[in-house]
Protein backbone atom coordinates (compact mmCIF):
# COMPACT_ATOMS: atom_id res chain seq x y z
CA MET A 1 12.40 12.33 20.82
CA LYS A 2 12.07 9.71 23.56
CA LYS A 3 9.97 7.12 21.77
CA GLU A 4 11.98 4.66 19.71
CA LEU A 5 10.20 4.20 16.41
CA LEU A 6 10.39 1.20 14.16
CA TRP A 7 12.50 2.25 11.18
CA GLY A 8 12.93 0.51 7.86
CA ALA A 9 11.36 0.18 4.47
CA ALA A 10 8.76 -1.81 2.55
CA LEU A 11 8.25 -3.47 -0.79
CA SER A 12 5.72 -5.54 -2.70
CA ASN A 13 7.09 -9.01 -3.29
CA VAL A 14 5.03 -9.55 -6.42
CA GLN A 15 6.78 -6.52 -7.93
CA ALA A 16 10.28 -7.48 -6.75
CA GLU A 17 10.63 -11.25 -6.66
CA GLY A 18 10.66 -12.53 -10.19
CA GLY A 19 10.78 -16.32 -9.85
CA TYR A 20 7.80 -16.16 -12.18
CA LEU A 21 6.41 -19.71 -11.91
CA GLU A 22 9.19 -21.27 -9.83
CA ASP A 23 8.60 -23.76 -7.04
CA GLY A 24 4.89 -24.14 -7.70
CA LYS A 25 3.88 -20.48 -7.88
CA GLY A 26 0.74 -19.72 -9.92
CA LEU A 27 -0.02 -16.75 -12.14
CA ASN A 28 -1.48 -13.74 -10.38
CA VAL A 29 -3.25 -10.56 -11.42
CA TYR A 30 0.00 -8.56 -11.53
CA ASP A 31 1.70 -11.13 -13.76
CA THR A 32 -1.07 -10.88 -16.35
CA LEU A 33 -1.77 -7.15 -16.05
CA GLU A 34 -1.62 -5.08 -19.23
CA ILE A 35 -0.98 -1.59 -17.94
CA GLN A 36 -1.82 1.86 -19.25
CA PHE A 37 1.45 3.76 -19.59
CA GLU A 38 2.24 6.42 -17.03
CA MET A 39 3.75 9.79 -17.92
CA GLY A 40 6.92 9.24 -19.98
CA GLN A 41 6.58 5.45 -20.03
CA ASN A 42 6.88 3.61 -23.35
CA ILE A 43 7.64 0.03 -22.37
CA GLN A 44 6.25 -2.53 -19.91
CA SER A 45 8.67 -4.80 -18.08
CA ASP A 46 7.73 -8.40 -17.38
CA THR A 47 7.56 -10.07 -13.99
CA SER A 48 9.70 -13.12 -14.78
CA VAL A 49 12.82 -11.58 -13.26
CA ALA A 50 11.82 -8.16 -11.86
CA ALA A 51 14.58 -7.36 -9.30
CA ASP A 52 15.33 -11.08 -8.77
CA HIS A 53 14.50 -10.67 -5.08
CA TYR A 54 13.32 -14.29 -5.06
CA HIS A 55 16.88 -15.51 -5.41
CA ARG A 56 18.70 -12.57 -3.81
CA TYR A 57 16.60 -11.73 -0.76
CA LYS A 58 19.41 -12.69 1.63
CA GLU A 59 21.68 -10.19 -0.09
CA ASP A 60 18.94 -7.58 0.13
CA ILE A 61 18.33 -8.31 3.82
CA ALA A 62 22.06 -7.94 4.43
CA HIS A 63 21.78 -4.39 3.08
CA MET A 64 18.80 -3.74 5.36
CA LYS A 65 20.82 -4.93 8.35
CA GLU A 66 23.74 -2.72 7.33
CA MET A 67 21.39 0.27 7.19
CA GLY A 68 20.11 -0.50 10.68
CA PHE A 69 16.53 -1.47 9.84
CA THR A 70 14.44 -2.49 12.84
CA ALA A 71 11.36 -3.34 10.71
CA TYR A 72 10.68 -4.46 7.17
CA ARG A 73 7.32 -4.79 5.47
CA PHE A 74 6.95 -7.35 2.71
CA SER A 75 4.05 -9.21 1.15
CA ILE A 76 3.38 -12.93 1.05
CA VAL A 77 2.32 -13.62 -2.53
CA TRP A 78 -1.08 -15.34 -2.45
CA SER A 79 -0.47 -17.26 -5.69
CA ARG A 80 2.82 -18.63 -4.34
CA ILE A 81 0.98 -20.25 -1.42
CA HIS A 82 -2.29 -21.16 -3.13
CA PRO A 83 -1.57 -21.16 -6.89
CA MET A 84 -5.19 -21.61 -7.97
CA GLY A 85 -6.80 -20.16 -4.88
CA ASP A 86 -9.96 -22.26 -4.85
CA ASP A 87 -8.88 -25.91 -4.68
CA GLY A 88 -7.56 -26.07 -1.12
CA ARG A 89 -4.11 -27.05 -2.36
CA THR A 90 -1.33 -25.41 -0.35
CA ASN A 91 2.11 -25.07 -1.90
CA GLU A 92 4.57 -26.05 0.83
CA ALA A 93 7.50 -24.68 -1.16
CA GLY A 94 5.94 -21.23 -1.02
CA LEU A 95 5.42 -21.36 2.73
CA ALA A 96 8.96 -22.62 3.25
CA TYR A 97 10.36 -19.77 1.15
CA TYR A 98 8.70 -17.09 3.26
CA GLU A 99 9.58 -18.88 6.47
CA GLU A 100 13.24 -18.79 5.48
CA MET A 101 12.87 -15.08 4.73
CA ILE A 102 11.24 -14.41 8.09
CA ASP A 103 13.94 -16.37 9.89
CA ALA A 104 16.63 -14.36 8.07
CA LEU A 105 14.96 -11.12 9.15
CA LEU A 106 14.66 -12.20 12.77
CA GLU A 107 18.30 -13.30 12.79
CA ALA A 108 19.24 -9.85 11.49
CA GLY A 109 17.24 -8.18 14.29
CA ILE A 110 14.56 -6.90 11.92
CA GLU A 111 10.84 -7.07 12.82
CA PRO A 112 8.87 -8.62 9.94
CA VAL A 113 5.70 -6.74 9.00
CA VAL A 114 3.62 -9.05 6.81
CA SER A 115 1.23 -7.60 4.24
CA LEU A 116 -1.48 -9.67 2.55
CA VAL A 117 -3.25 -9.19 -0.81
CA HIS A 118 -0.73 -6.89 -2.49
CA PHE A 119 -1.61 -7.11 -6.20
CA ASP A 120 -1.14 -10.90 -6.02
CA MET A 121 -4.56 -12.59 -6.17
CA PRO A 122 -4.31 -15.87 -8.11
CA ASP A 123 -5.29 -15.03 -11.67
CA HIS A 124 -7.55 -18.08 -11.72
CA LEU A 125 -9.82 -16.33 -9.21
CA ARG A 126 -10.03 -13.30 -11.50
CA THR A 127 -10.85 -15.24 -14.66
CA THR A 128 -13.21 -17.75 -13.02
CA TYR A 129 -15.03 -15.66 -10.39
CA ASN A 130 -14.28 -12.00 -11.21
CA GLY A 131 -12.26 -11.65 -8.03
CA PHE A 132 -13.73 -10.06 -4.94
CA LEU A 133 -16.90 -9.22 -6.80
CA ASP A 134 -17.86 -12.84 -6.06
CA ARG A 135 -18.55 -13.68 -2.42
CA ARG A 136 -16.91 -17.09 -2.75
CA VAL A 137 -13.52 -15.43 -3.19
CA ILE A 138 -13.88 -13.82 0.26
CA ASP A 139 -13.84 -17.28 1.85
CA PHE A 140 -11.03 -18.48 -0.41
CA TYR A 141 -9.03 -15.55 0.88
CA ALA A 142 -9.95 -16.19 4.52
CA ASP A 143 -8.81 -19.81 4.14
CA HIS A 144 -5.52 -18.59 2.63
CA VAL A 145 -4.94 -16.16 5.50
CA SER A 146 -5.66 -18.90 8.04
CA VAL A 147 -2.95 -21.11 6.54
CA VAL A 148 -0.41 -18.28 6.50
CA ALA A 149 -1.29 -17.05 10.01
CA GLN A 150 -1.06 -20.52 11.50
CA ARG A 151 2.33 -21.11 9.90
CA PHE A 152 3.90 -17.85 11.10
CA LYS A 153 1.96 -17.16 14.29
CA ASN A 154 5.05 -17.53 16.49
CA LYS A 155 7.32 -15.45 14.25
CA VAL A 156 5.30 -12.48 13.00
CA LYS A 157 3.89 -9.80 15.30
CA TYR A 158 2.68 -7.13 12.83
CA TRP A 159 0.12 -7.99 10.14
CA ILE A 160 -1.62 -5.92 7.44
CA THR A 161 -4.69 -7.57 5.97
CA TYR A 162 -5.10 -5.83 2.62
CA ASN A 163 -2.80 -3.42 0.79
CA GLU A 164 -4.41 -0.03 0.01
CA MET A 165 -7.92 -1.43 0.23
CA ASN A 166 -9.54 1.92 -0.59
CA THR A 167 -8.11 1.77 -4.14
CA ALA A 168 -10.09 -1.34 -5.13
CA PHE A 169 -12.68 0.71 -7.05
CA TYR A 170 -10.04 2.80 -8.84
CA SER A 171 -7.79 -0.13 -9.85
CA PRO A 172 -10.20 -3.07 -9.56
CA ARG A 173 -8.34 -5.61 -11.68
CA LEU A 174 -5.06 -5.15 -9.87
CA VAL A 175 -6.32 -4.55 -6.33
CA ALA A 176 -9.41 -6.79 -6.26
CA GLY A 177 -9.11 -9.06 -9.29
CA ALA A 178 -12.39 -7.66 -10.58
CA GLU A 179 -13.83 -5.93 -13.63
CA LYS A 180 -17.14 -4.07 -13.74
CA PRO A 181 -19.85 -5.97 -15.61
CA GLU A 182 -21.27 -4.03 -18.55
CA ASN A 183 -24.77 -3.87 -17.08
CA MET A 184 -23.65 -2.65 -13.63
CA SER A 185 -23.58 0.99 -12.56
CA ASP A 186 -20.42 2.52 -11.11
CA GLU A 187 -22.22 3.11 -7.83
CA LYS A 188 -23.30 -0.53 -7.53
CA PHE A 189 -19.79 -1.68 -8.45
CA HIS A 190 -18.38 0.59 -5.76
CA ALA A 191 -20.83 -0.73 -3.17
CA LEU A 192 -20.08 -4.38 -3.96
CA LEU A 193 -16.31 -3.94 -3.94
CA THR A 194 -16.44 -1.85 -0.77
CA HIS A 195 -18.50 -4.38 1.14
CA HIS A 196 -16.78 -7.51 -0.13
CA THR A 197 -13.31 -6.17 0.57
CA GLN A 198 -14.45 -5.08 4.03
CA LEU A 199 -15.65 -8.62 4.66
CA ALA A 200 -12.37 -10.03 3.36
CA HIS A 201 -10.45 -7.73 5.68
CA ALA A 202 -12.68 -8.60 8.64
CA LYS A 203 -12.35 -12.34 8.12
CA ALA A 204 -8.59 -11.92 7.79
CA VAL A 205 -8.45 -10.04 11.11
CA LEU A 206 -10.38 -12.82 12.83
CA ALA A 207 -8.25 -15.55 11.24
CA ILE A 208 -5.01 -13.91 12.37
CA LYS A 209 -6.34 -13.29 15.88
CA LYS A 210 -7.52 -16.89 16.10
CA ALA A 211 -4.01 -18.08 15.29
CA ASN A 212 -2.41 -15.63 17.71
CA PRO A 213 -4.56 -13.39 19.93
CA ASP A 214 -1.50 -11.27 20.71
CA ALA A 215 -0.78 -10.44 17.07
CA MET A 216 -0.94 -6.77 16.06
CA VAL A 217 -3.35 -6.51 13.12
CA ALA A 218 -4.19 -3.55 10.90
CA GLY A 219 -6.08 -2.60 7.80
CA MET A 220 -4.42 -0.28 5.30
CA ASP A 221 -5.37 2.73 3.16
CA ALA A 222 -3.58 4.71 0.50
CA TYR A 223 -3.99 8.13 2.06
CA THR A 224 -3.98 11.28 -0.07
CA THR A 225 -4.42 14.53 1.81
CA VAL A 226 -7.21 16.53 0.12
CA TYR A 227 -7.39 20.32 -0.03
CA PRO A 228 -10.08 22.62 -1.47
CA TYR A 229 -8.80 24.45 -4.55
CA SER A 230 -9.86 27.73 -2.93
CA CYS A 231 -11.67 28.99 0.14
CA ARG A 232 -14.92 29.13 -1.86
CA PRO A 233 -17.37 27.18 0.33
CA GLN A 234 -18.35 24.95 -2.56
CA ASP A 235 -14.70 23.93 -3.02
CA VAL A 236 -14.46 23.12 0.69
CA GLN A 237 -17.57 20.96 0.47
CA ALA A 238 -16.26 19.16 -2.62
CA ALA A 239 -12.98 18.46 -0.84
CA ARG A 240 -14.86 17.04 2.16
CA PHE A 241 -16.85 14.71 -0.09
CA THR A 242 -13.69 13.54 -1.85
CA ASP A 243 -11.86 13.04 1.45
CA ASN A 244 -14.71 10.93 2.81
CA MET A 245 -15.03 8.71 -0.25
CA MET A 246 -11.30 8.29 -0.96
CA ASN A 247 -9.68 8.32 2.49
CA ASN A 248 -12.19 7.93 5.30
CA LEU A 249 -14.74 5.36 4.17
CA THR A 250 -12.51 2.30 4.47
CA PHE A 251 -11.16 3.21 7.90
CA ASP A 252 -14.56 4.40 9.15
CA VAL A 253 -15.98 0.91 8.58
CA MET A 254 -12.89 -0.91 9.83
CA VAL A 255 -12.72 1.05 13.08
CA ASN A 256 -16.40 1.60 13.85
CA GLY A 257 -17.78 -1.67 12.51
CA GLU A 258 -20.58 0.03 10.60
CA TYR A 259 -21.13 2.04 7.44
CA PRO A 260 -21.14 5.82 7.92
CA SER A 261 -24.25 7.84 7.19
CA TYR A 262 -22.60 9.83 4.37
CA TYR A 263 -22.01 6.63 2.41
CA LEU A 264 -25.43 5.13 3.07
CA SER A 265 -27.00 8.40 1.92
CA PHE A 266 -24.82 8.49 -1.20
CA LEU A 267 -26.01 5.01 -2.15
CA ALA A 268 -29.66 5.60 -1.22
CA ASN A 269 -29.76 8.73 -3.41
CA ARG A 270 -28.78 6.49 -6.33
CA ASP A 271 -31.14 3.63 -5.45
CA VAL A 272 -28.23 1.33 -4.56
CA MET A 273 -28.33 -1.10 -1.64
CA LEU A 274 -25.40 -2.72 0.13
CA ASP A 275 -25.05 -6.45 -0.51
CA LEU A 276 -25.68 -7.52 3.09
CA GLU A 277 -26.20 -11.17 3.98
CA ASN A 278 -26.52 -13.23 7.16
CA ASP A 279 -23.91 -12.16 9.73
CA ASP A 280 -21.93 -9.76 7.55
CA MET A 281 -22.19 -6.79 9.88
CA LYS A 282 -21.58 -8.90 12.97
CA THR A 283 -18.35 -10.14 11.37
CA ILE A 284 -17.30 -6.61 10.46
CA LYS A 285 -18.17 -5.35 13.96
CA LYS A 286 -16.28 -8.17 15.67
CA ALA A 287 -13.18 -7.49 13.57
CA SER A 288 -13.38 -3.76 14.36
CA GLU A 289 -13.16 -4.57 18.06
CA GLN A 290 -9.93 -6.51 17.50
CA LEU A 291 -8.16 -4.04 15.21
CA ASP A 292 -4.91 -2.90 16.85
CA TYR A 293 -3.57 -0.13 14.63
CA LEU A 294 -4.00 1.53 11.24
CA ALA A 295 -1.43 1.32 8.46
CA PHE A 296 -1.26 3.65 5.49
CA SER A 297 0.79 4.77 2.53
CA TYR A 298 1.35 8.43 1.79
CA TYR A 299 2.92 9.87 -1.34
CA GLN A 300 1.16 13.11 -2.24
CA SER A 301 -1.72 15.51 -1.70
CA MET A 302 -4.38 16.72 -4.12
CA VAL A 303 -6.73 19.68 -4.65
CA VAL A 304 -10.41 19.56 -5.54
CA GLN A 305 -12.55 22.22 -7.17
CA ALA A 306 -16.35 22.25 -7.03
CA PRO A 307 -18.46 22.53 -10.18
CA GLU A 308 -19.77 25.83 -11.44
CA GLU A 309 -23.26 26.70 -10.26
CA SER A 310 -24.72 25.51 -13.55
CA GLU A 311 -23.38 21.97 -13.06
CA ASP A 312 -25.35 19.25 -11.32
CA LEU A 313 -23.78 18.39 -7.94
CA GLY A 314 -24.83 14.75 -8.15
CA VAL A 315 -23.14 14.37 -11.53
CA PHE A 316 -20.05 16.05 -10.11
CA GLN A 317 -19.98 13.62 -7.19
CA ASP A 318 -20.24 10.71 -9.61
CA LEU A 319 -17.26 12.07 -11.55
CA LEU A 320 -15.29 12.45 -8.35
CA LEU A 321 -16.18 8.90 -7.39
CA LYS A 322 -14.78 7.66 -10.70
CA ASN A 323 -11.76 9.99 -10.45
CA GLU A 324 -12.69 11.46 -13.83
CA LYS A 325 -12.47 15.13 -12.96
CA LYS A 326 -9.55 17.01 -14.48
CA LYS A 327 -6.46 16.75 -12.30
CA LEU A 328 -5.60 20.10 -10.76
CA PHE A 329 -2.11 21.01 -9.60
CA ASN A 330 -1.48 22.80 -6.35
CA PRO A 331 0.67 25.86 -7.16
CA TYR A 332 2.19 25.78 -3.67
CA VAL A 333 3.88 22.38 -3.95
CA LYS A 334 6.30 20.80 -6.41
CA ALA A 335 5.84 17.53 -8.32
CA ASN A 336 8.09 14.72 -9.46
CA ALA A 337 8.57 13.68 -13.10
CA TRP A 338 5.37 11.60 -12.98
CA GLY A 339 3.25 14.52 -11.76
CA TRP A 340 2.95 13.32 -8.16
CA GLN A 341 2.68 16.41 -5.97
CA ILE A 342 5.29 16.50 -3.22
CA ASP A 343 3.76 17.74 0.05
CA PRO A 344 5.62 16.83 3.27
CA LEU A 345 3.28 18.90 5.45
CA GLY A 346 0.42 16.89 4.00
CA LEU A 347 1.79 13.86 5.85
CA ARG A 348 1.57 15.69 9.18
CA ILE A 349 -1.97 16.77 8.35
CA ALA A 350 -2.84 13.16 7.48
CA LEU A 351 -1.42 11.90 10.77
CA GLU A 352 -3.25 14.54 12.78
CA THR A 353 -6.53 13.91 10.97
CA MET A 354 -6.48 10.13 11.30
CA TYR A 355 -5.39 10.09 14.93
CA GLU A 356 -8.05 12.60 15.93
CA ARG A 357 -10.71 10.63 14.03
CA TYR A 358 -9.79 7.08 15.06
CA HIS A 359 -7.67 7.24 18.24
CA LYS A 360 -5.55 4.28 17.17
CA PRO A 361 -1.78 3.97 16.74
CA LEU A 362 -0.68 4.77 13.19
CA PHE A 363 2.03 3.06 11.16
CA ILE A 364 3.45 4.72 8.05
CA VAL A 365 4.20 1.66 5.93
CA GLU A 366 4.85 3.35 2.57
CA ASN A 367 6.34 6.75 1.80
CA GLY A 368 8.72 7.52 -1.03
CA ILE A 369 9.40 9.16 -4.38
CA GLY A 370 9.90 7.72 -7.82
CA ILE A 371 12.96 9.07 -9.63
CA ASP A 372 14.65 8.14 -12.89
CA ASP A 373 17.95 7.53 -11.08
CA GLN A 374 21.11 7.53 -13.21
CA LEU A 375 24.12 5.36 -12.50
CA THR A 376 27.35 7.32 -13.01
CA GLU A 377 30.50 6.00 -14.66
CA ASN A 378 31.99 5.35 -11.22
CA ARG A 379 28.86 3.29 -10.40
CA LYS A 380 27.24 5.69 -7.96
CA VAL A 381 23.77 7.22 -7.70
CA TYR A 382 23.54 10.76 -6.34
CA ASP A 383 19.86 10.88 -5.39
CA ASP A 384 19.75 14.12 -3.40
CA GLU A 385 16.19 14.69 -4.64
CA ARG A 386 15.16 11.55 -2.76
CA ILE A 387 16.99 12.66 0.38
CA ALA A 388 15.20 16.03 0.26
CA TYR A 389 11.85 14.26 -0.08
CA TYR A 390 12.52 12.10 2.97
CA GLN A 391 13.91 14.99 5.01
CA GLY A 392 10.63 16.88 4.67
CA HIS A 393 8.37 13.92 5.32
CA ILE A 394 10.27 12.52 8.29
CA GLN A 395 10.47 15.96 9.90
CA ASN A 396 6.73 16.40 9.56
CA MET A 397 6.15 12.95 11.05
CA LEU A 398 8.33 13.94 14.01
CA ASP A 399 6.39 17.19 14.38
CA ALA A 400 3.13 15.23 14.41
CA ILE A 401 4.52 13.11 17.24
CA LYS A 402 6.18 15.85 19.30
CA ILE A 403 3.81 18.77 18.74
CA ASP A 404 0.47 17.17 17.88
CA GLY A 405 0.70 14.13 20.18
CA VAL A 406 0.09 11.52 17.48
CA ASP A 407 0.90 7.92 18.41
CA VAL A 408 3.13 6.62 15.59
CA ILE A 409 4.48 3.07 15.61
CA GLY A 410 7.07 3.52 12.92
CA TYR A 411 8.20 4.73 9.53
CA LEU A 412 8.78 2.45 6.55
CA ALA A 413 10.16 4.07 3.41
CA TRP A 414 9.27 2.87 -0.07
CA ALA A 415 11.55 1.08 -0.79
CA PRO A 416 14.73 -0.79 0.24
CA ILE A 417 15.64 -1.69 -3.36
CA ASP A 418 14.55 -0.75 -6.87
CA PHE A 419 11.87 -2.97 -8.40
CA LEU A 420 8.95 -2.78 -10.79
CA SER A 421 6.47 0.00 -10.13
CA SER A 422 2.75 -0.79 -10.04
CA HIS A 423 2.88 0.13 -13.76
CA LYS A 424 5.62 -2.47 -14.37
CA GLU A 425 8.38 0.06 -14.86
CA MET A 426 12.00 -0.10 -13.64
CA ARG A 427 12.72 3.46 -14.79
CA LYS A 428 10.59 4.80 -11.94
CA ARG A 429 12.95 3.90 -9.08
CA TYR A 430 12.18 4.10 -5.39
CA GLY A 431 14.96 2.18 -3.66
CA PHE A 432 17.92 3.02 -1.46
CA VAL A 433 19.75 0.33 -3.42
CA TYR A 434 20.05 0.63 -7.19
CA ILE A 435 19.27 -2.54 -9.12
CA ASP A 436 21.20 -2.77 -12.37
CA ARG A 437 18.28 -3.67 -14.61
CA LYS A 438 16.43 -1.75 -17.28
CA ASP A 439 12.93 -2.10 -18.70
CA ASP A 440 14.27 -3.84 -21.79
CA GLY A 441 15.62 -6.63 -19.58
CA THR A 442 19.31 -5.71 -19.81
CA GLY A 443 21.55 -5.34 -16.78
CA THR A 444 23.53 -7.42 -14.31
CA LEU A 445 21.06 -7.17 -11.39
CA ALA A 446 23.96 -5.96 -9.24
CA ARG A 447 23.01 -4.19 -5.99
CA ILE A 448 24.57 -0.70 -5.71
CA PRO A 449 23.88 1.52 -2.64
CA LYS A 450 22.79 5.04 -3.52
CA LYS A 451 23.74 8.17 -1.60
CA SER A 452 20.38 7.98 0.21
CA TYR A 453 21.38 4.54 1.54
CA TYR A 454 24.05 6.07 3.75
CA TRP A 455 21.91 9.06 4.65
CA TYR A 456 19.00 6.87 5.81
CA LYS A 457 21.41 4.72 7.81
CA LYS A 458 22.40 7.85 9.73
CA VAL A 459 18.74 8.83 10.22
CA ILE A 460 17.86 5.43 11.68
CA ALA A 461 20.84 5.46 14.05
CA SER A 462 19.69 8.84 15.39
CA ASN A 463 16.01 7.82 15.70
CA GLY A 464 15.19 10.49 13.12
CA GLU A 465 17.08 13.36 14.69
CA ALA A 466 20.00 13.63 12.22
CA LEU A 467 18.33 14.66 8.97
CA GLU A 468 21.08 16.82 7.50
CA ASN A 469 22.31 15.87 4.01
CA ASP A 470 25.99 15.86 4.97
CA ILE A 471 26.96 12.45 3.62
CA VAL A 472 30.34 12.12 1.93
CA TYR A 473 29.62 9.62 -0.86
């Protein structure tokens, strides 16, 4: 392959840092989140220490350099820069911390990829305004982005405005700092969150471009490839509806600067109007014209089955919207211990689909597998399951580039080190580096390279060509 990709990994700082309220940081929505346990989970870790990345990031970056990273995506925690979010007070210690991190990355020859709004809205904005459900929070966020973009405009090239924006409706408290009012319908809640997060994204794009017109700016989706459960036409139609609402809607608006007809019809059929004011659509359109690439996470695929003929299609669509239909498992793919269906070819299909639809460069900024890794007596982690996962996904990315002609900027695995999952769990590990810490808070926090660490180092050095699992560990 001739094109040199950006290679590396990504993490969410709010899940990795710890440094709970150090140096002026405020509480955020992840700090205060009470989670619903995932499969096999029986304890919730706290965020006061996490992986202690706040104090050990230089050690972690040294590992990234050793592995040969050329890019690293991290998130600037909103509540570390603006602890309250609405009072205009900027925490210089927070800015200085991330500037030191960026300088360390640049010195190591690693391109920083900065992500914004990654489960880190100041909790004050959630409790006082109900997060992005309130229009005022959009401008609070735009002001925050302006401060960050101005500070790092000469050091950061790649920006991502909003982590997995299409999940705001499905995890509103964590992703958007919002909870649905009791007297509001799901469809109205969806419309408000969709429009307000689109405005937040658009204003962030414009703020970053104002600070540096040459910056590369993207929006981001959590992309899940959707298949019909069978070739029954009704199943195909149900899969198309799900794909539009879950995957396509966010990018359709970001890229085209307008709401697609399928969404406007969905709302109109339920007597719901978009919350449009003043120059909203002009702002969204202007941002769409300045969007440089699309970023996305990919972990799994899913299958969708249509209702029986006796069921009401509108009711079925409402259930799909709320993700309340029974989860179906694809018999042709395997799953990890948490039930996430492992589908490497689904990544190639996702790349093909998005590139054909949007004609913009694509950046895979999250891809990985959660495993309950075990540290052996000789302090090693043999994570061949993780290597197999990456082998399949990287090969399918390369096929999308070579065979399908997709323009891919780079590949960032999830993640460089172990840290808390979105469900605040250390047991579900994603990193190339094992962090000696358990959910009960015990452990030394020592950094221990896994077998996959040395395998991925070889992959990066070969620009993705050497995928064999032949590492002597």
